[in-house]
N, C-alpha and C. Protein backbone atom coordinates (compact mmCIF):
# COMPACT_ATOMS: atom_id res chain seq x y z
N UNK A 1 0.27 -1.19 -0.02
CA UNK A 1 -0.12 0.12 -0.09
C UNK A 1 0.75 1.14 0.07
N UNK A 2 0.40 2.35 -0.75
CA UNK A 2 1.11 3.67 -1.33
C UNK A 2 0.65 4.77 -0.12
N UNK A 3 1.59 5.53 0.71
CA UNK A 3 0.58 6.31 1.73
C UNK A 3 1.31 7.28 0.86
N UNK A 4 -0.38 8.09 1.34
CA UNK A 4 -0.11 9.90 0.43
C UNK A 4 1.16 10.58 1.17
N UNK A 5 2.01 11.05 0.24
CA UNK A 5 3.12 12.19 1.22
C UNK A 5 1.85 12.97 2.65
N UNK A 6 2.76 13.13 3.46
CA UNK A 6 2.34 13.81 4.58
C UNK A 6 2.01 15.61 4.00
N UNK A 7 0.84 15.97 3.83
CA UNK A 7 1.26 17.57 3.64
C UNK A 7 1.21 18.48 4.85
N UNK A 8 2.79 19.03 4.78
CA UNK A 8 2.92 20.19 5.74
C UNK A 8 2.06 20.87 6.43
N UNK A 9 1.55 21.47 7.91
CA UNK A 9 1.74 22.53 7.39
C UNK A 9 2.05 23.48 8.67
N UNK A 10 2.07 24.55 8.49
CA UNK A 10 2.90 25.45 9.24
C UNK A 10 2.46 25.93 10.82
N UNK A 11 3.29 26.56 11.83
CA UNK A 11 2.85 26.91 13.32
C UNK A 11 2.10 27.80 13.07
N UNK A 12 0.63 27.61 13.54
CA UNK A 12 -0.02 29.39 13.60
C UNK A 12 0.32 29.59 14.90
N UNK A 13 0.73 30.95 14.95
CA UNK A 13 1.28 31.42 16.21
C UNK A 13 -0.08 32.90 16.35
N UNK A 14 -0.17 33.27 17.35
CA UNK A 14 -1.00 34.32 17.55
C UNK A 14 -0.50 35.44 17.95
N UNK A 15 -0.20 36.58 17.37
CA UNK A 15 0.59 37.47 18.35
C UNK A 15 0.03 38.70 18.72
N UNK A 16 0.20 39.29 19.95
CA UNK A 16 -0.99 40.63 20.21
C UNK A 16 -0.43 41.10 21.91
N UNK A 17 -0.67 42.03 21.24
CA UNK A 17 -0.31 42.98 23.26
C UNK A 17 -1.91 43.43 23.61
N UNK A 18 -1.96 42.93 24.67
CA UNK A 18 -3.57 42.71 25.46
C UNK A 18 -3.55 43.60 26.74
N UNK A 19 -4.57 44.17 27.34
CA UNK A 19 -4.54 44.64 28.19
C UNK A 19 -4.94 44.00 29.38
N UNK A 20 -4.92 44.30 30.93
CA UNK A 20 -5.46 43.15 31.67
C UNK A 20 -5.51 43.99 32.59
N UNK A 21 -6.97 43.77 32.67
CA UNK A 21 -7.07 44.48 33.87
C UNK A 21 -8.90 44.09 34.05
N UNK A 22 -8.94 42.65 34.88
CA UNK A 22 -10.23 42.26 35.19
C UNK A 22 -11.15 42.93 35.79
N UNK A 23 -12.67 42.45 34.70
CA UNK A 23 -13.37 43.38 36.10
C UNK A 23 -13.89 44.82 35.80
N UNK A 24 -12.89 45.44 34.17
CA UNK A 24 -12.92 46.17 34.18
C UNK A 24 -13.23 46.26 32.72
N UNK A 25 -13.79 47.51 32.30
CA UNK A 25 -14.44 47.57 30.76
C UNK A 25 -13.25 48.10 29.73
N UNK A 26 -12.06 48.13 30.45
CA UNK A 26 -10.82 48.02 29.69
C UNK A 26 -9.81 46.84 29.31
N UNK A 27 -10.62 45.41 30.07
CA UNK A 27 -10.12 44.47 30.20
C UNK A 27 -10.09 43.58 28.49
N UNK A 28 -8.89 42.99 27.85
CA UNK A 28 -8.36 42.44 26.68
C UNK A 28 -8.60 43.63 25.82
N UNK A 29 -8.18 45.09 25.96
CA UNK A 29 -8.18 45.70 24.96
C UNK A 29 -6.75 45.93 24.24
N UNK A 30 -6.85 46.06 22.92
CA UNK A 30 -5.73 45.97 22.16
C UNK A 30 -5.03 47.06 21.01
N UNK A 31 -6.58 47.74 20.90
CA UNK A 31 -6.30 48.60 20.05
C UNK A 31 -7.49 50.62 21.35
N UNK A 32 -6.65 51.58 20.25
CA UNK A 32 -7.38 52.83 20.35
C UNK A 32 -7.04 54.04 18.75
N UNK A 33 -8.15 53.37 18.13
CA UNK A 33 -8.52 54.21 16.89
C UNK A 33 -7.35 53.52 16.03
N UNK A 34 -6.51 54.18 15.06
CA UNK A 34 -5.44 53.53 14.47
C UNK A 34 -3.98 53.18 15.04
N UNK A 35 -3.94 53.73 16.82
CA UNK A 35 -2.72 53.33 17.05
C UNK A 35 -3.38 51.87 18.44
N UNK A 36 -1.91 51.66 19.52
CA UNK A 36 -2.41 51.61 20.38
C UNK A 36 -2.07 52.12 21.23
N UNK A 37 -2.92 51.54 22.63
CA UNK A 37 -3.14 51.86 23.07
C UNK A 37 -1.76 53.20 24.75
N UNK A 38 -0.96 51.69 24.23
CA UNK A 38 0.40 52.48 25.03
C UNK A 38 1.52 51.87 24.21
N UNK A 39 2.57 53.14 24.84
CA UNK A 39 4.17 52.82 24.16
C UNK A 39 5.01 51.60 24.81
N UNK A 40 5.22 50.58 24.26
CA UNK A 40 6.31 49.87 24.99
C UNK A 40 7.29 49.40 23.88
N UNK A 41 8.72 49.51 23.78
CA UNK A 41 9.09 49.52 23.25
C UNK A 41 9.86 48.41 23.34
N UNK A 42 9.25 48.00 24.50
CA UNK A 42 10.08 46.38 24.78
C UNK A 42 9.58 45.62 24.15
N UNK A 43 8.09 45.67 24.04
CA UNK A 43 7.50 44.96 23.41
C UNK A 43 7.81 44.76 21.87
N UNK A 44 7.21 46.32 21.13
CA UNK A 44 7.58 45.97 19.75
C UNK A 44 9.08 45.45 19.43
N UNK A 45 9.91 46.06 19.66
CA UNK A 45 11.42 44.61 19.89
C UNK A 45 11.12 42.99 19.73
N UNK A 46 10.30 42.84 20.76
CA UNK A 46 9.89 41.31 20.89
C UNK A 46 9.40 40.92 19.65
N UNK A 47 8.09 41.58 19.54
CA UNK A 47 7.74 41.48 18.48
C UNK A 47 8.01 41.27 16.46
N UNK A 48 9.51 42.23 16.91
CA UNK A 48 10.40 42.37 15.70
C UNK A 48 10.62 41.40 15.15
N UNK A 49 11.54 40.96 16.41
CA UNK A 49 12.31 39.98 17.03
C UNK A 49 10.95 38.29 16.16
N UNK A 50 10.55 37.97 16.98
CA UNK A 50 9.67 36.75 16.61
C UNK A 50 9.11 36.64 15.13
N UNK A 51 8.67 37.96 14.55
CA UNK A 51 8.23 37.38 13.25
C UNK A 51 8.71 37.55 12.69
N UNK A 52 10.02 38.80 12.60
CA UNK A 52 10.95 38.62 10.98
C UNK A 52 11.33 37.31 10.28
N UNK A 53 11.08 37.83 9.18
CA UNK A 53 11.53 36.66 8.02
C UNK A 53 10.12 35.40 7.51
N UNK A 54 9.42 35.63 8.75
CA UNK A 54 7.89 35.25 8.34
C UNK A 54 6.62 35.90 8.03
N UNK A 55 5.76 34.87 7.32
CA UNK A 55 4.80 35.93 6.96
C UNK A 55 4.09 36.48 8.02
N UNK A 56 3.04 37.58 8.33
CA UNK A 56 1.96 37.64 8.66
C UNK A 56 0.61 38.43 8.83
N UNK A 57 0.29 37.62 8.82
CA UNK A 57 -1.63 37.33 8.57
C UNK A 57 -2.30 38.53 9.13
N UNK A 58 -2.82 39.80 8.39
CA UNK A 58 -3.76 40.40 9.20
C UNK A 58 -4.59 41.17 8.60
N UNK A 59 -6.05 41.71 9.41
CA UNK A 59 -7.23 41.81 8.35
C UNK A 59 -6.54 43.87 8.15
N UNK A 60 -7.53 43.94 6.82
CA UNK A 60 -7.47 45.49 6.27
C UNK A 60 -7.07 46.39 7.13
N UNK A 61 -8.37 46.63 8.22
CA UNK A 61 -7.59 48.01 9.39
C UNK A 61 -6.94 47.54 10.08
N UNK A 62 -6.35 46.31 10.18
CA UNK A 62 -4.54 46.41 10.61
C UNK A 62 -3.83 46.57 10.10
N UNK A 63 -3.88 46.47 8.82
CA UNK A 63 -3.18 46.76 7.88
C UNK A 63 -2.88 48.69 7.64
N UNK A 64 -4.03 49.01 7.57
CA UNK A 64 -4.07 50.54 7.29
C UNK A 64 -3.41 51.22 9.07
N UNK A 65 -3.73 50.06 9.51
CA UNK A 65 -2.97 50.95 11.38
C UNK A 65 -1.80 51.30 11.31
N UNK A 66 -1.35 50.19 10.57
CA UNK A 66 0.28 49.59 10.30
C UNK A 66 1.12 51.35 9.86
N UNK A 67 0.10 51.27 8.52
CA UNK A 67 0.35 52.08 7.24
C UNK A 67 0.66 53.28 8.36
N UNK A 68 -0.62 53.73 8.86
CA UNK A 68 -0.41 55.13 9.94
C UNK A 68 0.23 55.51 11.03
N UNK A 69 0.49 54.01 11.68
CA UNK A 69 1.73 54.05 12.07
C UNK A 69 3.18 53.98 12.16
N UNK A 70 3.54 53.28 10.79
CA UNK A 70 4.83 52.87 10.69
C UNK A 70 5.11 53.26 8.86
N UNK A 71 3.86 54.09 8.35
CA UNK A 71 4.41 54.58 7.75
C UNK A 71 4.51 53.45 6.46
N UNK A 72 4.16 52.27 6.11
CA UNK A 72 4.49 51.48 5.71
C UNK A 72 4.52 50.21 6.12
N UNK A 73 4.55 49.21 5.90
CA UNK A 73 4.04 47.60 5.53
C UNK A 73 5.71 46.93 6.73
N UNK A 74 5.35 46.62 7.31
CA UNK A 74 6.99 45.80 7.95
C UNK A 74 7.85 45.33 7.54
N UNK A 75 8.48 45.60 6.88
CA UNK A 75 9.82 44.98 6.77
C UNK A 75 10.16 43.78 6.85
N UNK A 76 11.13 42.60 5.84
CA UNK A 76 11.80 41.54 6.23
C UNK A 76 10.62 40.74 6.71
N UNK A 77 9.98 41.22 6.57
CA UNK A 77 8.06 40.10 6.91
C UNK A 77 7.46 39.79 5.70
N UNK A 78 6.29 39.47 5.33
CA UNK A 78 5.55 38.94 4.30
C UNK A 78 4.56 39.17 5.07
N UNK A 79 4.10 41.01 4.45
CA UNK A 79 2.60 40.92 4.82
C UNK A 79 1.64 40.43 4.57
N UNK A 80 0.81 40.03 4.76
CA UNK A 80 -0.57 39.26 4.39
C UNK A 80 -1.79 39.67 5.08
N UNK A 81 -2.76 40.17 4.12
CA UNK A 81 -3.73 41.37 4.57
C UNK A 81 -5.34 40.45 4.34
N UNK A 82 -5.94 40.22 5.17
CA UNK A 82 -7.19 39.44 4.79
C UNK A 82 -8.03 41.00 4.25
N UNK A 83 -9.29 40.56 3.07
CA UNK A 83 -10.21 40.96 2.98
C UNK A 83 -10.92 40.76 2.30
N UNK A 84 -12.11 41.44 2.09
CA UNK A 84 -13.27 41.30 1.36
C UNK A 84 -13.37 41.56 0.28
N UNK A 85 -12.90 42.62 0.30
CA UNK A 85 -13.01 43.78 -0.67
C UNK A 85 -11.32 44.22 -1.07
N UNK A 86 -10.24 43.26 -2.08
CA UNK A 86 -9.23 42.98 -2.52
C UNK A 86 -8.66 44.53 -3.12
N UNK A 87 -9.83 45.58 -3.51
CA UNK A 87 -8.98 46.81 -4.26
C UNK A 87 -9.26 47.53 -3.45
N UNK A 88 -9.81 47.08 -1.74
CA UNK A 88 -9.42 48.61 -0.99
C UNK A 88 -7.56 48.81 -0.87
N UNK A 89 -6.69 47.60 -0.79
CA UNK A 89 -5.81 46.92 -0.11
C UNK A 89 -4.65 47.30 -1.46
N UNK A 90 -4.27 48.43 -2.14
CA UNK A 90 -3.11 49.18 -2.93
C UNK A 90 -2.01 49.19 -2.43
N UNK A 91 -1.10 48.51 -2.30
CA UNK A 91 0.30 48.70 -1.92
C UNK A 91 1.35 48.01 -2.65
N UNK A 92 2.08 47.91 -3.25
CA UNK A 92 2.81 47.05 -3.31
C UNK A 92 3.68 45.40 -2.61
N UNK A 93 3.91 45.00 -3.13
CA UNK A 93 4.97 43.74 -2.26
C UNK A 93 3.89 43.05 -1.16
N UNK A 94 2.19 43.51 -0.90
CA UNK A 94 1.31 42.83 0.17
C UNK A 94 0.52 41.82 -0.86
N UNK A 95 0.51 41.08 0.06
CA UNK A 95 -0.16 39.83 -0.19
C UNK A 95 -1.86 39.54 0.16
N UNK A 96 -2.76 39.55 -0.43
CA UNK A 96 -3.39 40.19 -0.21
C UNK A 96 -4.67 38.55 -1.21
N UNK A 97 -5.42 38.46 0.59
CA UNK A 97 -6.51 37.30 -0.06
C UNK A 97 -7.59 37.61 0.89
N UNK A 98 -8.80 36.55 0.37
CA UNK A 98 -10.43 36.89 0.48
C UNK A 98 -10.96 36.25 2.18
N UNK A 99 -9.49 35.17 3.03
CA UNK A 99 -9.85 34.45 4.30
C UNK A 99 -8.68 33.54 4.55
N UNK A 100 -8.52 33.79 5.59
CA UNK A 100 -7.47 32.45 6.14
C UNK A 100 -7.23 31.07 5.33
N UNK A 101 -8.52 30.60 5.68
CA UNK A 101 -8.03 28.92 4.72
C UNK A 101 -7.27 29.60 3.17
N UNK A 102 -8.06 30.44 2.40
CA UNK A 102 -6.75 30.51 1.91
C UNK A 102 -5.16 31.45 1.32
N UNK A 103 -5.35 31.78 2.46
CA UNK A 103 -3.62 32.41 2.89
C UNK A 103 -2.62 31.61 3.43
N UNK A 104 -3.46 30.63 4.34
CA UNK A 104 -2.78 29.55 4.68
C UNK A 104 -2.33 29.09 3.31
N UNK A 105 -3.47 28.49 3.26
CA UNK A 105 -2.79 27.56 1.95
C UNK A 105 -1.79 28.12 0.48
N UNK A 106 -1.46 29.32 0.57
CA UNK A 106 -0.39 29.69 -0.04
C UNK A 106 0.92 29.69 0.78
N UNK A 107 0.46 29.22 2.24
CA UNK A 107 1.66 29.77 2.53
C UNK A 107 1.68 28.30 3.64
N UNK A 108 1.80 27.24 3.10
CA UNK A 108 1.42 26.00 3.43
C UNK A 108 3.34 25.04 3.36
N UNK A 109 4.07 25.97 2.97
CA UNK A 109 5.03 25.50 2.72
C UNK A 109 6.22 26.42 4.05
N UNK A 110 5.67 27.12 4.97
CA UNK A 110 7.08 27.66 5.36
C UNK A 110 6.49 26.85 6.50
N UNK A 111 7.66 27.33 7.60
CA UNK A 111 7.60 26.69 8.98
C UNK A 111 6.62 27.06 10.27
N UNK A 112 6.30 28.59 9.78
CA UNK A 112 5.57 29.52 10.73
C UNK A 112 4.53 30.02 9.73
N UNK A 113 3.26 30.64 10.31
CA UNK A 113 3.11 31.50 10.50
C UNK A 113 2.18 32.53 11.09
N UNK A 114 2.23 33.63 11.33
CA UNK A 114 2.17 34.64 12.86
C UNK A 114 0.50 34.98 11.84
N UNK A 115 0.12 35.41 13.04
CA UNK A 115 -1.39 36.03 13.57
C UNK A 115 -1.26 37.17 14.17
N UNK A 116 -1.10 38.57 13.26
CA UNK A 116 -1.27 40.06 14.01
C UNK A 116 -2.97 40.41 14.34
N UNK A 117 -3.31 40.44 14.27
CA UNK A 117 -4.87 41.21 14.25
C UNK A 117 -5.53 41.06 13.00
N UNK A 118 -6.71 41.75 13.08
CA UNK A 118 -7.55 42.22 14.39
C UNK A 118 -8.24 41.65 14.91
N UNK A 119 -8.81 41.86 16.17
CA UNK A 119 -9.81 41.31 16.78
C UNK A 119 -10.75 39.73 15.86
N UNK A 120 -10.96 39.96 14.88
CA UNK A 120 -11.85 39.22 13.90
C UNK A 120 -11.34 38.49 13.94
N UNK A 121 -9.28 38.19 13.42
CA UNK A 121 -8.71 37.10 12.56
C UNK A 121 -7.88 36.57 14.42
N UNK A 122 -8.17 37.10 15.20
CA UNK A 122 -7.97 36.74 16.46
C UNK A 122 -8.99 35.39 16.72
N UNK A 123 -9.93 36.13 16.42
CA UNK A 123 -11.30 35.01 16.84
C UNK A 123 -11.08 33.80 16.08
N UNK A 124 -11.19 34.05 15.43
CA UNK A 124 -11.02 32.93 13.92
C UNK A 124 -9.87 31.68 14.50
N UNK A 125 -8.93 31.89 14.70
CA UNK A 125 -7.73 31.25 14.80
C UNK A 125 -7.96 30.63 16.70
N UNK A 126 -8.65 31.20 17.56
CA UNK A 126 -9.15 30.83 18.22
C UNK A 126 -10.40 29.33 19.22
N UNK A 127 -11.36 30.14 17.61
CA UNK A 127 -12.44 29.58 17.42
C UNK A 127 -12.24 27.73 17.32
N UNK A 128 -12.39 26.85 18.29
CA UNK A 128 -12.68 25.65 18.16
C UNK A 128 -13.37 24.56 16.99
N UNK A 129 -13.90 25.64 16.35
CA UNK A 129 -14.53 24.87 15.10
C UNK A 129 -13.61 25.44 13.87
N UNK A 130 -12.87 26.32 14.12
CA UNK A 130 -11.95 26.80 12.99
C UNK A 130 -11.59 25.90 12.54
N UNK A 131 -11.50 26.20 10.58
CA UNK A 131 -10.55 24.78 10.27
C UNK A 131 -8.87 25.46 10.47
N UNK A 132 -8.62 26.59 10.94
CA UNK A 132 -7.13 27.49 11.18
C UNK A 132 -7.17 27.40 12.27
N UNK A 133 -6.28 27.04 13.37
CA UNK A 133 -6.48 27.30 15.36
C UNK A 133 -4.94 27.29 14.91
N UNK A 134 -5.28 28.43 16.04
CA UNK A 134 -3.61 28.60 16.95
C UNK A 134 -3.05 27.59 17.21
N UNK A 135 -1.55 27.50 16.91
CA UNK A 135 -0.70 26.89 17.85
C UNK A 135 -0.10 26.81 19.32
N UNK A 136 -0.15 28.30 19.03
CA UNK A 136 0.64 29.34 20.11
C UNK A 136 0.08 30.34 20.24
N UNK A 137 0.38 30.95 21.04
CA UNK A 137 -0.43 31.84 21.65
C UNK A 137 1.12 32.65 22.35
N UNK A 138 1.28 33.45 21.55
CA UNK A 138 2.28 35.15 22.24
C UNK A 138 1.67 36.14 22.58
N UNK A 139 1.56 36.73 23.54
CA UNK A 139 0.80 37.50 24.26
C UNK A 139 1.83 38.56 25.48
N UNK A 140 1.64 39.47 25.27
CA UNK A 140 2.09 40.78 25.77
C UNK A 140 0.98 41.40 26.48
N UNK A 141 1.03 40.39 28.04
CA UNK A 141 -0.04 41.74 28.75
C UNK A 141 0.19 42.18 30.11
N UNK A 142 -0.33 43.75 29.32
CA UNK A 142 0.00 44.87 29.82
C UNK A 142 -0.95 45.22 30.85
N UNK A 143 -0.30 45.62 32.01
CA UNK A 143 -1.65 45.89 33.39
C UNK A 143 -1.83 47.24 33.36
N UNK A 144 -2.99 47.78 33.58
CA UNK A 144 -4.09 48.47 33.80
C UNK A 144 -4.38 48.88 33.22
N UNK A 145 -5.49 49.89 33.22
CA UNK A 145 -7.33 50.44 32.50
C UNK A 145 -6.53 51.63 31.18
N UNK A 146 -7.03 51.41 30.27
CA UNK A 146 -6.40 52.00 29.47
C UNK A 146 -7.89 52.50 28.19
N UNK A 147 -7.26 53.45 27.48
CA UNK A 147 -8.66 53.68 26.97
C UNK A 147 -8.79 53.52 25.10
N UNK A 148 -9.49 52.98 25.00
CA UNK A 148 -9.88 52.15 23.37
C UNK A 148 -10.94 52.07 23.10
N UNK A 149 -10.58 51.28 21.62
CA UNK A 149 -12.48 50.15 21.01
C UNK A 149 -11.88 49.55 20.59
N UNK A 150 -10.69 48.79 20.74
CA UNK A 150 -11.20 47.27 19.56
C UNK A 150 -10.36 46.01 21.15
N UNK A 151 -10.87 45.15 20.93
CA UNK A 151 -10.54 44.28 21.65
C UNK A 151 -10.35 42.89 21.01
N UNK A 152 -9.59 42.29 22.28
CA UNK A 152 -9.10 40.71 21.67
C UNK A 152 -10.35 39.75 22.30
N UNK A 153 -10.41 39.42 21.40
CA UNK A 153 -11.77 37.93 21.63
C UNK A 153 -11.33 37.26 23.50
N UNK A 154 -12.34 37.08 24.37
CA UNK A 154 -11.97 36.03 25.47
C UNK A 154 -11.41 35.12 25.11
N UNK A 155 -10.39 34.80 26.04
CA UNK A 155 -8.87 33.42 25.90
C UNK A 155 -8.92 32.87 27.15
N UNK A 156 -9.22 33.28 28.28
CA UNK A 156 -9.20 32.58 29.21
C UNK A 156 -9.62 31.21 29.43
N UNK A 157 -10.34 31.10 29.42
CA UNK A 157 -11.40 30.15 29.34
C UNK A 157 -10.50 28.79 28.62
N UNK A 158 -9.74 29.40 27.61
CA UNK A 158 -8.85 28.85 26.65
C UNK A 158 -7.70 28.27 27.15
N UNK A 159 -6.86 28.69 28.55
CA UNK A 159 -6.24 28.57 29.24
C UNK A 159 -5.86 26.80 29.98
N UNK A 160 -5.23 26.37 29.90
CA UNK A 160 -5.19 25.11 30.98
C UNK A 160 -5.54 25.27 32.16
N UNK A 161 -5.26 26.33 32.83
CA UNK A 161 -5.57 26.44 34.43
C UNK A 161 -7.24 26.63 34.40
N UNK A 162 -8.12 26.88 33.36
CA UNK A 162 -9.40 26.21 33.01
C UNK A 162 -9.95 26.08 32.45
N UNK A 163 -9.11 24.78 31.88
CA UNK A 163 -9.32 23.02 31.40
C UNK A 163 -8.90 23.76 30.03
N UNK A 164 -9.04 24.59 29.43
CA UNK A 164 -8.62 24.81 27.27
C UNK A 164 -7.15 24.01 27.29
N UNK A 165 -7.14 24.14 26.24
CA UNK A 165 -6.26 23.41 25.61
C UNK A 165 -4.78 24.22 25.57
N UNK A 166 -4.64 25.79 26.05
CA UNK A 166 -3.18 25.86 25.90
C UNK A 166 -2.85 26.31 27.32
N UNK A 167 -1.25 25.76 28.09
CA UNK A 167 -0.68 25.51 28.92
C UNK A 167 0.38 26.54 28.59
N UNK A 168 0.98 27.51 29.86
CA UNK A 168 1.51 28.47 29.92
C UNK A 168 2.60 27.89 29.76
N UNK A 169 3.72 27.83 28.91
CA UNK A 169 5.38 27.65 28.67
C UNK A 169 5.91 28.91 28.95
N UNK A 170 6.11 29.79 29.27
CA UNK A 170 6.74 30.84 29.38
C UNK A 170 6.14 31.73 29.62
N UNK A 171 6.46 32.87 31.36
CA UNK A 171 6.54 34.11 31.29
C UNK A 171 7.22 35.23 32.01
N UNK A 172 7.76 36.19 31.68
CA UNK A 172 8.48 36.95 31.61
C UNK A 172 8.08 38.39 32.36
N UNK A 173 7.82 38.56 33.80
CA UNK A 173 7.51 40.17 33.88
C UNK A 173 8.61 40.80 33.81
N UNK A 174 8.01 42.53 33.34
CA UNK A 174 8.85 43.16 33.35
C UNK A 174 7.78 44.70 34.11
N UNK A 175 8.32 44.79 35.23
CA UNK A 175 8.02 46.53 36.68
C UNK A 175 7.86 47.55 35.44
N UNK A 176 7.12 48.17 35.95
CA UNK A 176 6.34 49.35 35.43
C UNK A 176 7.68 49.96 35.82
N UNK A 177 7.69 51.17 34.58
CA UNK A 177 9.32 52.15 34.87
C UNK A 177 8.62 53.01 34.05
N UNK A 178 9.60 54.70 34.31
CA UNK A 178 9.23 55.35 33.70
C UNK A 178 8.18 55.49 32.56
N UNK A 179 6.95 56.07 33.30
CA UNK A 179 5.69 56.43 33.04
C UNK A 179 5.10 54.99 32.23
N UNK A 180 6.38 53.47 32.42
CA UNK A 180 5.17 53.29 31.85
C UNK A 180 4.33 51.61 32.39
N UNK A 181 3.48 51.17 31.77
CA UNK A 181 2.87 50.17 32.69
C UNK A 181 3.34 48.39 32.92
N UNK A 182 3.62 48.18 34.25
CA UNK A 182 3.67 47.00 33.78
C UNK A 182 3.17 46.07 32.84
N UNK A 183 4.04 45.23 32.36
CA UNK A 183 3.95 43.85 31.61
C UNK A 183 4.55 42.84 31.76
N UNK A 184 4.32 41.63 30.84
CA UNK A 184 4.96 40.54 30.59
C UNK A 184 4.25 39.56 29.44
N UNK A 185 5.56 38.89 28.83
CA UNK A 185 5.78 38.44 28.26
C UNK A 185 5.80 36.92 28.28
N UNK A 186 3.76 36.16 27.52
CA UNK A 186 4.24 35.17 28.28
C UNK A 186 3.14 34.10 26.48
N UNK A 187 4.27 33.21 27.08
CA UNK A 187 4.17 32.11 26.12
C UNK A 187 2.93 31.28 26.65
N UNK A 188 2.16 30.64 25.31
CA UNK A 188 0.70 29.82 25.43
C UNK A 188 1.00 28.25 24.07
N UNK A 189 1.13 27.24 25.05
CA UNK A 189 1.12 26.48 23.64
C UNK A 189 0.21 25.18 23.83
N UNK A 190 -0.52 25.07 22.88
CA UNK A 190 -1.69 24.04 22.72
C UNK A 190 -0.87 22.85 22.69
N UNK A 191 -1.69 22.33 23.17
CA UNK A 191 -1.36 20.26 23.82
C UNK A 191 -2.67 20.24 22.39
N UNK A 192 -2.15 19.13 22.36
CA UNK A 192 -2.34 18.53 21.46
C UNK A 192 -3.26 17.10 21.73
């Protein structure tokens, strides 16, 4: 009997900075219009170190916020934009797809694909019914209350401590300093 070749599937890594303020309306905040609700150079440095050289999948509004904040697509990454209106994304060198499964098929030969937002794209890879699910969560949990309008989907029920499939693999705390809030880098890995 001939066995068909196994199809390679890249590791799907969700990466986000999320406000941690349980019990407040600012809990799980991730955005404020076209900006981040905070400025954490260490988080930006970590984001760059982790995503450099890999496809970075995001929704159209998240891509527009990158253009607003940084003046263009993120360099040395394949910027992948999901949109139902591909003609609205007119930027050279950007990969545009109508949905996440289509984008993942296009990058099936890659070792790793990062999911960089926004809220709807994050919700999709955290949904247990989705054809594309996160294998790992790279979260920056920012302590405090901030104002904004975009929120990360509920996720704590997915953590192993609450009976979910994601176990904490690493946690690195950073105390508040120089007017910046305390935060933690936390890596969660899905148990298969």
